[in-house]
Protein backbone atom coordinates (compact mmCIF):
# COMPACT_ATOMS: atom_id res chain seq x y z
CA MET A 1 0.00 0.00 0.00
CA THR A 2 1.34 3.41 -0.91
CA LYS A 3 1.45 6.35 1.48
CA ASP A 4 -1.31 8.02 -0.56
CA GLU A 5 -3.54 4.95 -0.27
CA LEU A 6 -2.89 4.70 3.46
CA TYR A 7 -3.58 8.41 3.90
CA SER A 8 -6.91 8.00 2.07
CA LYS A 9 -7.90 5.06 4.28
CA LEU A 10 -6.88 6.93 7.42
CA LYS A 11 -8.83 9.99 6.30
CA GLU A 12 -11.88 7.80 5.66
CA ILE A 13 -11.62 6.35 9.18
CA LEU A 14 -11.26 9.79 10.75
CA ILE A 15 -14.34 11.06 8.90
CA ASN A 16 -16.58 8.02 9.37
CA ASP A 17 -15.59 6.78 12.82
CA PHE A 18 -14.57 9.99 14.57
CA ASP A 19 -16.90 12.49 12.86
CA ILE A 20 -14.03 14.79 11.95
CA ASP A 21 -14.76 17.38 9.29
CA GLU A 22 -13.03 16.39 6.05
CA ASP A 23 -11.70 19.93 5.59
CA LEU A 24 -9.69 19.61 8.83
CA ILE A 25 -7.88 16.45 7.76
CA LYS A 26 -4.62 17.36 6.07
CA PRO A 27 -1.21 15.68 6.29
CA GLU A 28 0.09 18.48 8.53
CA ALA A 29 -2.99 18.49 10.82
CA LEU A 30 -2.07 18.05 14.48
CA ILE A 31 -3.88 15.02 15.85
CA GLN A 32 -4.50 16.35 19.34
CA ASP A 33 -4.74 20.10 18.77
CA GLU A 34 -6.53 20.34 15.42
CA LEU A 35 -8.40 17.05 15.16
CA GLU A 36 -9.02 16.94 18.92
CA LEU A 37 -8.25 13.24 19.31
CA ASP A 38 -7.16 12.27 22.80
CA SER A 39 -4.95 9.30 23.61
CA ILE A 40 -7.90 6.90 23.80
CA ASP A 41 -9.17 8.09 20.41
CA SER A 42 -5.68 7.62 19.01
CA VAL A 43 -5.62 4.01 20.20
CA ASP A 44 -9.06 3.46 18.65
CA MET A 45 -7.79 4.93 15.39
CA ILE A 46 -4.85 2.50 15.34
CA VAL A 47 -7.18 -0.44 16.10
CA LYS A 48 -9.28 0.55 13.09
CA VAL A 49 -6.20 0.85 10.85
CA LYS A 50 -4.67 -2.44 12.06
CA PRO A 51 -6.54 -4.67 9.54
CA LEU A 52 -4.67 -2.85 6.76
CA LEU A 53 -1.28 -3.78 8.21
CA ASN A 54 0.89 -6.85 7.75
CA GLY A 55 3.33 -6.04 10.53
CA LYS A 56 3.08 -5.52 14.26
CA ILE A 57 2.75 -1.99 15.60
CA GLU A 58 5.35 -1.14 18.21
CA PRO A 59 3.78 0.98 20.98
CA ASP A 60 6.88 3.16 21.29
CA ALA A 61 6.55 4.15 17.63
CA PHE A 62 3.68 6.47 18.45
CA LYS A 63 5.41 8.49 21.15
CA SER A 64 6.65 10.99 18.55
CA VAL A 65 3.47 11.14 16.43
CA LYS A 66 2.00 14.61 16.17
CA THR A 67 0.45 14.89 12.69
CA VAL A 68 -1.64 12.78 10.35
CA GLN A 69 1.44 12.44 8.12
CA ASP A 70 3.43 11.07 11.07
CA VAL A 71 0.86 8.28 11.41
CA VAL A 72 1.08 7.49 7.70
CA ASP A 73 4.89 7.49 7.78
CA ILE A 74 5.00 5.06 10.71
CA LEU A 75 2.31 2.71 9.42
CA GLU A 76 3.20 2.58 5.72
CA PRO A 77 6.17 0.20 6.10
CA LEU A 78 3.87 -2.18 8.00
CA THR A 79 1.53 -2.51 4.99
CA LYS A 80 4.15 -4.38 2.94
């Protein structure tokens, strides 16, 4: 899966499952500040993305995640 495909899937999840306005979802959007997802929401988001992945998500990988693009960059290698 390409980064663009993963971004599209992630955007779809954010819109459908978290009721986030599509106009707010951009690669540089801050997950906590702009999209207003707390840590529990972030875990839920990862659970919803997990079926797209072939690899295991390391919990420490998300300590530095701040933007939507950060999520895509971390998850994309796990889709191969």
